[in-house]
């Protein structure tokens, strides 16, 4: 994904979710990075009042969500003061 495609992703999120976009109770502030599965945004969880990072998957290939779900499950188990 190049920078133009990333801006398009943010614009699509803005069109779908409002400006600035809110997904699942998280306000997306800016894009932090991108990779093969999607883009990572800096966000703010509105109900918990904490900063968060949100990965938005962009692939439409069937089954592509499996690696992302595995990553989320592994990440959720990490509990360390130096990991956010």
PDB file of N, CA and C in Angstrom:
ATOM      1  N   UNK A   1       0.853  -1.171   0.000  1.00  0.00           N
ATOM      2  CA  UNK A   1       0.000   0.000   0.000  1.00  0.00           C
ATOM      3  C   UNK A   1       0.895   1.229   0.000  1.00  0.00           C
ATOM      4  N   UNK A   2       0.663   2.168  -0.907  1.00  0.00           N
ATOM      5  CA  UNK A   2       1.454   3.382  -0.936  1.00  0.00           C
ATOM      6  C   UNK A   2       0.739   4.507  -0.200  1.00  0.00           C
ATOM      7  N   UNK A   3       1.384   5.682  -0.127  1.00  0.00           N
ATOM      8  CA  UNK A   3       0.817   6.785   0.646  1.00  0.00           C
ATOM      9  C   UNK A   3      -0.536   7.233   0.101  1.00  0.00           C
ATOM     10  N   UNK A   4      -0.683   7.267  -1.223  1.00  0.00           N
ATOM     11  CA  UNK A   4      -1.957   7.669  -1.821  1.00  0.00           C
ATOM     12  C   UNK A   4      -3.069   6.703  -1.447  1.00  0.00           C
ATOM     13  N   UNK A   5      -2.777   5.393  -1.445  1.00  0.00           N
ATOM     14  CA  UNK A   5      -3.785   4.415  -1.046  1.00  0.00           C
ATOM     15  C   UNK A   5      -4.136   4.569   0.426  1.00  0.00           C
ATOM     16  N   UNK A   6      -3.142   4.910   1.270  1.00  0.00           N
ATOM     17  CA  UNK A   6      -3.395   5.102   2.691  1.00  0.00           C
ATOM     18  C   UNK A   6      -4.303   6.305   2.915  1.00  0.00           C
ATOM     19  N   UNK A   7      -4.049   7.387   2.192  1.00  0.00           N
ATOM     20  CA  UNK A   7      -4.920   8.545   2.307  1.00  0.00           C
ATOM     21  C   UNK A   7      -6.329   8.193   1.849  1.00  0.00           C
ATOM     22  N   UNK A   8      -6.423   7.387   0.824  1.00  0.00           N
ATOM     23  CA  UNK A   8      -7.724   6.953   0.346  1.00  0.00           C
ATOM     24  C   UNK A   8      -8.431   6.133   1.418  1.00  0.00           C
ATOM     25  N   UNK A   9      -7.695   5.265   2.121  1.00  0.00           N
ATOM     26  CA  UNK A   9      -8.273   4.488   3.216  1.00  0.00           C
ATOM     27  C   UNK A   9      -8.813   5.418   4.288  1.00  0.00           C
ATOM     28  N   UNK A  10      -8.027   6.421   4.689  1.00  0.00           N
ATOM     29  CA  UNK A  10      -8.479   7.364   5.713  1.00  0.00           C
ATOM     30  C   UNK A  10      -9.700   8.134   5.221  1.00  0.00           C
ATOM     31  N   UNK A  11      -9.688   8.533   3.952  1.00  0.00           N
ATOM     32  CA  UNK A  11     -10.831   9.250   3.391  1.00  0.00           C
ATOM     33  C   UNK A  11     -12.071   8.359   3.373  1.00  0.00           C
ATOM     34  N   UNK A  12     -11.881   7.072   3.022  1.00  0.00           N
ATOM     35  CA  UNK A  12     -13.019   6.154   3.038  1.00  0.00           C
ATOM     36  C   UNK A  12     -13.569   5.990   4.445  1.00  0.00           C
ATOM     37  N   UNK A  13     -12.688   5.899   5.435  1.00  0.00           N
ATOM     38  CA  UNK A  13     -13.132   5.783   6.823  1.00  0.00           C
ATOM     39  C   UNK A  13     -13.875   7.045   7.244  1.00  0.00           C
ATOM     40  N   UNK A  14     -13.376   8.201   6.812  1.00  0.00           N
ATOM     41  CA  UNK A  14     -14.030   9.459   7.139  1.00  0.00           C
ATOM     42  C   UNK A  14     -15.421   9.528   6.524  1.00  0.00           C
ATOM     43  N   UNK A  15     -15.542   9.092   5.278  1.00  0.00           N
ATOM     44  CA  UNK A  15     -16.843   9.108   4.614  1.00  0.00           C
ATOM     45  C   UNK A  15     -17.823   8.152   5.294  1.00  0.00           C
ATOM     46  N   UNK A  16     -17.324   6.998   5.708  1.00  0.00           N
ATOM     47  CA  UNK A  16     -18.198   5.979   6.294  1.00  0.00           C
ATOM     48  C   UNK A  16     -18.523   6.264   7.761  1.00  0.00           C
ATOM     49  N   UNK A  17     -17.543   6.795   8.511  1.00  0.00           N
ATOM     50  CA  UNK A  17     -17.678   6.894   9.969  1.00  0.00           C
ATOM     51  C   UNK A  17     -17.729   8.322  10.489  1.00  0.00           C
ATOM     52  N   UNK A  18     -17.604   9.319   9.621  1.00  0.00           N
ATOM     53  CA  UNK A  18     -17.613  10.705  10.066  1.00  0.00           C
ATOM     54  C   UNK A  18     -16.219  11.291  10.072  1.00  0.00           C
ATOM     55  N   UNK A  19     -16.127  12.575  10.339  1.00  0.00           N
ATOM     56  CA  UNK A  19     -14.848  13.273  10.344  1.00  0.00           C
ATOM     57  C   UNK A  19     -14.653  13.943  11.693  1.00  0.00           C
ATOM     58  N   UNK A  20     -13.698  13.506  12.498  1.00  0.00           N
ATOM     59  CA  UNK A  20     -12.780  12.395  12.297  1.00  0.00           C
ATOM     60  C   UNK A  20     -13.496  11.056  12.471  1.00  0.00           C
ATOM     61  N   UNK A  21     -12.955   9.998  11.863  1.00  0.00           N
ATOM     62  CA  UNK A  21     -13.638   8.703  11.925  1.00  0.00           C
ATOM     63  C   UNK A  21     -13.617   8.084  13.319  1.00  0.00           C
ATOM     64  N   UNK A  22     -14.711   7.438  13.671  1.00  0.00           N
ATOM     65  CA  UNK A  22     -14.832   6.703  14.930  1.00  0.00           C
ATOM     66  C   UNK A  22     -15.201   5.268  14.582  1.00  0.00           C
ATOM     67  N   UNK A  23     -14.363   4.320  15.014  1.00  0.00           N
ATOM     68  CA  UNK A  23     -14.614   2.895  14.794  1.00  0.00           C
ATOM     69  C   UNK A  23     -14.677   2.197  16.135  1.00  0.00           C
ATOM     70  N   UNK A  24     -15.766   1.529  16.413  1.00  0.00           N
ATOM     71  CA  UNK A  24     -15.887   0.766  17.647  1.00  0.00           C
ATOM     72  C   UNK A  24     -15.627   1.575  18.896  1.00  0.00           C
ATOM     73  N   UNK A  25     -16.036   2.817  18.914  1.00  0.00           N
ATOM     74  CA  UNK A  25     -15.830   3.670  20.072  1.00  0.00           C
ATOM     75  C   UNK A  25     -14.438   4.252  20.172  1.00  0.00           C
ATOM     76  N   UNK A  26     -13.658   4.145  19.088  1.00  0.00           N
ATOM     77  CA  UNK A  26     -12.295   4.684  19.072  1.00  0.00           C
ATOM     78  C   UNK A  26     -12.215   5.784  18.023  1.00  0.00           C
ATOM     79  N   UNK A  27     -11.790   6.961  18.454  1.00  0.00           N
ATOM     80  CA  UNK A  27     -11.575   8.090  17.568  1.00  0.00           C
ATOM     81  C   UNK A  27     -10.214   7.926  16.909  1.00  0.00           C
ATOM     82  N   UNK A  28     -10.171   7.843  15.580  1.00  0.00           N
ATOM     83  CA  UNK A  28      -8.911   7.677  14.854  1.00  0.00           C
ATOM     84  C   UNK A  28      -8.307   9.050  14.586  1.00  0.00           C
ATOM     85  N   UNK A  29      -7.108   9.294  15.136  1.00  0.00           N
ATOM     86  CA  UNK A  29      -6.476  10.597  15.009  1.00  0.00           C
ATOM     87  C   UNK A  29      -5.591  10.713  13.781  1.00  0.00           C
ATOM     88  N   UNK A  30      -4.674   9.768  13.594  1.00  0.00           N
ATOM     89  CA  UNK A  30      -3.779   9.823  12.435  1.00  0.00           C
ATOM     90  C   UNK A  30      -3.214   8.441  12.158  1.00  0.00           C
ATOM     91  N   UNK A  31      -2.741   8.250  10.919  1.00  0.00           N
ATOM     92  CA  UNK A  31      -2.145   6.974  10.559  1.00  0.00           C
ATOM     93  C   UNK A  31      -0.703   6.924  11.041  1.00  0.00           C
ATOM     94  N   UNK A  32      -0.334   5.806  11.675  1.00  0.00           N
ATOM     95  CA  UNK A  32       1.027   5.625  12.174  1.00  0.00           C
ATOM     96  C   UNK A  32       1.893   4.825  11.218  1.00  0.00           C
ATOM     97  N   UNK A  33       1.293   3.868  10.525  1.00  0.00           N
ATOM     98  CA  UNK A  33       2.068   3.017   9.630  1.00  0.00           C
ATOM     99  C   UNK A  33       1.162   2.141   8.806  1.00  0.00           C
ATOM    100  N   UNK A  34       1.778   1.399   7.909  1.00  0.00           N
ATOM    101  CA  UNK A  34       1.027   0.531   7.022  1.00  0.00           C
ATOM    102  C   UNK A  34       1.831  -0.715   6.729  1.00  0.00           C
ATOM    103  N   UNK A  35       1.134  -1.756   6.340  1.00  0.00           N
ATOM    104  CA  UNK A  35       1.792  -3.009   6.017  1.00  0.00           C
ATOM    105  C   UNK A  35       0.952  -3.807   5.042  1.00  0.00           C
ATOM    106  N   UNK A  36       1.290  -5.075   4.914  1.00  0.00           N
ATOM    107  CA  UNK A  36       0.611  -5.922   3.964  1.00  0.00           C
ATOM    108  C   UNK A  36      -0.842  -6.186   4.291  1.00  0.00           C
ATOM    109  N   UNK A  37      -1.200  -6.205   5.578  1.00  0.00           N
ATOM    110  CA  UNK A  37      -2.581  -6.510   5.962  1.00  0.00           C
ATOM    111  C   UNK A  37      -3.438  -5.268   6.136  1.00  0.00           C
ATOM    112  N   UNK A  38      -2.827  -4.116   6.380  1.00  0.00           N
ATOM    113  CA  UNK A  38      -3.648  -2.934   6.609  1.00  0.00           C
ATOM    114  C   UNK A  38      -2.832  -1.762   7.087  1.00  0.00           C
ATOM    115  N   UNK A  39      -3.510  -0.863   7.766  1.00  0.00           N
ATOM    116  CA  UNK A  39      -2.887   0.354   8.282  1.00  0.00           C
ATOM    117  C   UNK A  39      -3.123   0.437   9.784  1.00  0.00           C
ATOM    118  N   UNK A  40      -2.180   1.065  10.498  1.00  0.00           N
ATOM    119  CA  UNK A  40      -2.292   1.246  11.940  1.00  0.00           C
ATOM    120  C   UNK A  40      -2.507   2.735  12.217  1.00  0.00           C
ATOM    121  N   UNK A  41      -3.510   3.013  13.038  1.00  0.00           N
ATOM    122  CA  UNK A  41      -3.857   4.390  13.374  1.00  0.00           C
ATOM    123  C   UNK A  41      -3.661   4.654  14.862  1.00  0.00           C
ATOM    124  N   UNK A  42      -3.255   5.870  15.179  1.00  0.00           N
ATOM    125  CA  UNK A  42      -3.258   6.342  16.556  1.00  0.00           C
ATOM    126  C   UNK A  42      -4.690   6.756  16.853  1.00  0.00           C
ATOM    127  N   UNK A  43      -5.213   6.280  17.981  1.00  0.00           N
ATOM    128  CA  UNK A  43      -6.594   6.590  18.308  1.00  0.00           C
ATOM    129  C   UNK A  43      -6.782   6.882  19.780  1.00  0.00           C
ATOM    130  N   UNK A  44      -8.011   7.204  20.123  1.00  0.00           N
ATOM    131  CA  UNK A  44      -8.372   7.473  21.513  1.00  0.00           C
ATOM    132  C   UNK A  44      -9.683   6.754  21.799  1.00  0.00           C
ATOM    133  N   UNK A  45      -9.647   5.826  22.779  1.00  0.00           N
ATOM    134  CA  UNK A  45     -10.840   5.068  23.156  1.00  0.00           C
ATOM    135  C   UNK A  45     -11.752   5.990  23.962  1.00  0.00           C
ATOM    136  N   UNK A  46     -12.915   6.274  23.421  1.00  0.00           N
ATOM    137  CA  UNK A  46     -13.797   7.279  24.012  1.00  0.00           C
ATOM    138  C   UNK A  46     -14.400   6.858  25.350  1.00  0.00           C
ATOM    139  N   UNK A  47     -14.707   5.582  25.525  1.00  0.00           N
ATOM    140  CA  UNK A  47     -15.321   5.140  26.786  1.00  0.00           C
ATOM    141  C   UNK A  47     -14.288   4.935  27.887  1.00  0.00           C
ATOM    142  N   UNK A  48     -13.090   4.481  27.515  1.00  0.00           N
ATOM    143  CA  UNK A  48     -12.053   4.216  28.510  1.00  0.00           C
ATOM    144  C   UNK A  48     -11.131   5.409  28.734  1.00  0.00           C
ATOM    145  N   UNK A  49     -11.199   6.403  27.862  1.00  0.00           N
ATOM    146  CA  UNK A  49     -10.357   7.607  27.937  1.00  0.00           C
ATOM    147  C   UNK A  49      -8.872   7.269  27.961  1.00  0.00           C
ATOM    148  N   UNK A  50      -8.464   6.395  27.032  1.00  0.00           N
ATOM    149  CA  UNK A  50      -7.055   6.022  26.929  1.00  0.00           C
ATOM    150  C   UNK A  50      -6.614   6.057  25.457  1.00  0.00           C
ATOM    151  N   UNK A  51      -5.330   6.351  25.224  1.00  0.00           N
ATOM    152  CA  UNK A  51      -4.825   6.274  23.851  1.00  0.00           C
ATOM    153  C   UNK A  51      -4.679   4.814  23.435  1.00  0.00           C
ATOM    154  N   UNK A  52      -4.948   4.534  22.164  1.00  0.00           N
ATOM    155  CA  UNK A  52      -4.857   3.176  21.640  1.00  0.00           C
ATOM    156  C   UNK A  52      -4.279   3.206  20.232  1.00  0.00           C
ATOM    157  N   UNK A  53      -3.847   2.047  19.778  1.00  0.00           N
ATOM    158  CA  UNK A  53      -3.471   1.858  18.382  1.00  0.00           C
ATOM    159  C   UNK A  53      -4.501   0.917  17.767  1.00  0.00           C
ATOM    160  N   UNK A  54      -4.930   1.221  16.545  1.00  0.00           N
ATOM    161  CA  UNK A  54      -5.958   0.425  15.873  1.00  0.00           C
ATOM    162  C   UNK A  54      -5.430  -0.010  14.519  1.00  0.00           C
ATOM    163  N   UNK A  55      -5.481  -1.311  14.255  1.00  0.00           N
ATOM    164  CA  UNK A  55      -5.098  -1.819  12.941  1.00  0.00           C
ATOM    165  C   UNK A  55      -6.371  -2.046  12.136  1.00  0.00           C
ATOM    166  N   UNK A  56      -6.426  -1.418  10.964  1.00  0.00           N
ATOM    167  CA  UNK A  56      -7.563  -1.551  10.071  1.00  0.00           C
ATOM    168  C   UNK A  56      -7.130  -2.418   8.902  1.00  0.00           C
ATOM    169  N   UNK A  57      -7.786  -3.555   8.743  1.00  0.00           N
ATOM    170  CA  UNK A  57      -7.453  -4.475   7.665  1.00  0.00           C
ATOM    171  C   UNK A  57      -8.050  -3.971   6.360  1.00  0.00           C
ATOM    172  N   UNK A  58      -7.252  -4.003   5.300  1.00  0.00           N
ATOM    173  CA  UNK A  58      -7.731  -3.515   4.007  1.00  0.00           C
ATOM    174  C   UNK A  58      -7.938  -4.622   2.990  1.00  0.00           C
ATOM    175  N   UNK A  59      -7.494  -5.818   3.259  1.00  0.00           N
ATOM    176  CA  UNK A  59      -7.620  -6.904   2.304  1.00  0.00           C
ATOM    177  C   UNK A  59      -9.066  -7.395   2.220  1.00  0.00           C
ATOM    178  N   UNK A  60      -9.505  -7.673   1.009  1.00  0.00           N
ATOM    179  CA  UNK A  60     -10.839  -8.237   0.810  1.00  0.00           C
ATOM    180  C   UNK A  60     -10.765  -9.711   0.459  1.00  0.00           C
ATOM    181  N   UNK A  61      -9.570 -10.296   0.529  1.00  0.00           N
ATOM    182  CA  UNK A  61      -9.379 -11.706   0.207  1.00  0.00           C
ATOM    183  C   UNK A  61     -10.004 -12.565   1.298  1.00  0.00           C
ATOM    184  N   UNK A  62     -10.778 -13.560   0.897  1.00  0.00           N
ATOM    185  CA  UNK A  62     -11.436 -14.431   1.876  1.00  0.00           C
ATOM    186  C   UNK A  62     -10.394 -15.136   2.741  1.00  0.00           C
ATOM    187  N   UNK A  63     -10.586 -15.107   4.054  1.00  0.00           N
ATOM    188  CA  UNK A  63      -9.668 -15.752   4.977  1.00  0.00           C
ATOM    189  C   UNK A  63      -8.518 -14.873   5.404  1.00  0.00           C
ATOM    190  N   UNK A  64      -8.417 -13.676   4.847  1.00  0.00           N
ATOM    191  CA  UNK A  64      -7.305 -12.790   5.188  1.00  0.00           C
ATOM    192  C   UNK A  64      -7.380 -12.298   6.634  1.00  0.00           C
ATOM    193  N   UNK A  65      -8.564 -12.362   7.248  1.00  0.00           N
ATOM    194  CA  UNK A  65      -8.703 -11.888   8.623  1.00  0.00           C
ATOM    195  C   UNK A  65      -8.082 -12.837   9.634  1.00  0.00           C
ATOM    196  N   UNK A  66      -7.826 -14.085   9.268  1.00  0.00           N
ATOM    197  CA  UNK A  66      -7.289 -15.064  10.211  1.00  0.00           C
ATOM    198  C   UNK A  66      -5.956 -14.642  10.810  1.00  0.00           C
ATOM    199  N   UNK A  67      -4.954 -14.206  10.022  1.00  0.00           N
ATOM    200  CA  UNK A  67      -3.709 -13.756  10.640  1.00  0.00           C
ATOM    201  C   UNK A  67      -3.908 -12.554  11.558  1.00  0.00           C
ATOM    202  N   UNK A  68      -4.798 -11.660  11.207  1.00  0.00           N
ATOM    203  CA  UNK A  68      -5.061 -10.495  12.045  1.00  0.00           C
ATOM    204  C   UNK A  68      -5.702 -10.907  13.364  1.00  0.00           C
ATOM    205  N   UNK A  69      -6.637 -11.847  13.310  1.00  0.00           N
ATOM    206  CA  UNK A  69      -7.261 -12.333  14.540  1.00  0.00           C
ATOM    207  C   UNK A  69      -6.243 -13.047  15.423  1.00  0.00           C
ATOM    208  N   UNK A  70      -5.358 -13.836  14.817  1.00  0.00           N
ATOM    209  CA  UNK A  70      -4.308 -14.503  15.592  1.00  0.00           C
ATOM    210  C   UNK A  70      -3.394 -13.474  16.254  1.00  0.00           C
ATOM    211  N   UNK A  71      -3.026 -12.447  15.507  1.00  0.00           N
ATOM    212  CA  UNK A  71      -2.183 -11.387  16.072  1.00  0.00           C
ATOM    213  C   UNK A  71      -2.888 -10.689  17.228  1.00  0.00           C
ATOM    214  N   UNK A  72      -4.178 -10.416  17.087  1.00  0.00           N
ATOM    215  CA  UNK A  72      -4.937  -9.752  18.151  1.00  0.00           C
ATOM    216  C   UNK A  72      -5.012 -10.626  19.401  1.00  0.00           C
ATOM    217  N   UNK A  73      -5.220 -11.923  19.223  1.00  0.00           N
ATOM    218  CA  UNK A  73      -5.287 -12.831  20.379  1.00  0.00           C
ATOM    219  C   UNK A  73      -3.956 -12.885  21.121  1.00  0.00           C
ATOM    220  N   UNK A  74      -2.872 -12.953  20.377  1.00  0.00           N
ATOM    221  CA  UNK A  74      -1.543 -12.993  20.992  1.00  0.00           C
ATOM    222  C   UNK A  74      -1.245 -11.675  21.699  1.00  0.00           C
ATOM    223  N   UNK A  75      -1.544 -10.565  21.038  1.00  0.00           N
ATOM    224  CA  UNK A  75      -1.287  -9.242  21.625  1.00  0.00           C
ATOM    225  C   UNK A  75      -2.098  -9.020  22.894  1.00  0.00           C
ATOM    226  N   UNK A  76      -3.324  -9.542  22.927  1.00  0.00           N
ATOM    227  CA  UNK A  76      -4.186  -9.357  24.096  1.00  0.00           C
ATOM    228  C   UNK A  76      -3.641 -10.058  25.334  1.00  0.00           C
ATOM    229  N   UNK A  77      -2.798 -11.065  25.136  1.00  0.00           N
ATOM    230  CA  UNK A  77      -2.229 -11.799  26.275  1.00  0.00           C
ATOM    231  C   UNK A  77      -1.023 -11.110  26.888  1.00  0.00           C
ATOM    232  N   UNK A  78      -0.476 -10.112  26.190  1.00  0.00           N
ATOM    233  CA  UNK A  78       0.724  -9.424  26.700  1.00  0.00           C
ATOM    234  C   UNK A  78       0.331  -8.473  27.809  1.00  0.00           C
ATOM    235  N   UNK A  79       0.998  -8.621  28.947  1.00  0.00           N
ATOM    236  CA  UNK A  79       0.745  -7.742  30.090  1.00  0.00           C
ATOM    237  C   UNK A  79       2.103  -7.343  30.662  1.00  0.00           C
ATOM    238  N   UNK A  80       2.575  -6.169  30.254  1.00  0.00           N
ATOM    239  CA  UNK A  80       3.880  -5.692  30.696  1.00  0.00           C
ATOM    240  C   UNK A  80       3.844  -4.168  30.764  1.00  0.00           C
ATOM    241  N   UNK A  81       4.465  -3.575  31.789  1.00  0.00           N
ATOM    242  CA  UNK A  81       4.396  -2.109  31.925  1.00  0.00           C
ATOM    243  C   UNK A  81       5.040  -1.345  30.765  1.00  0.00           C
ATOM    244  N   UNK A  82       5.926  -1.983  29.996  1.00  0.00           N
ATOM    245  CA  UNK A  82       6.583  -1.308  28.884  1.00  0.00           C
ATOM    246  C   UNK A  82       5.904  -1.544  27.548  1.00  0.00           C
ATOM    247  N   UNK A  83       4.743  -2.205  27.565  1.00  0.00           N
ATOM    248  CA  UNK A  83       4.008  -2.475  26.330  1.00  0.00           C
ATOM    249  C   UNK A  83       2.681  -1.748  26.409  1.00  0.00           C
ATOM    250  N   UNK A  84       2.374  -1.012  25.351  1.00  0.00           N
ATOM    251  CA  UNK A  84       1.084  -0.292  25.321  1.00  0.00           C
ATOM    252  C   UNK A  84       0.151  -0.958  24.329  1.00  0.00           C
TER     253      UNK A  84
END
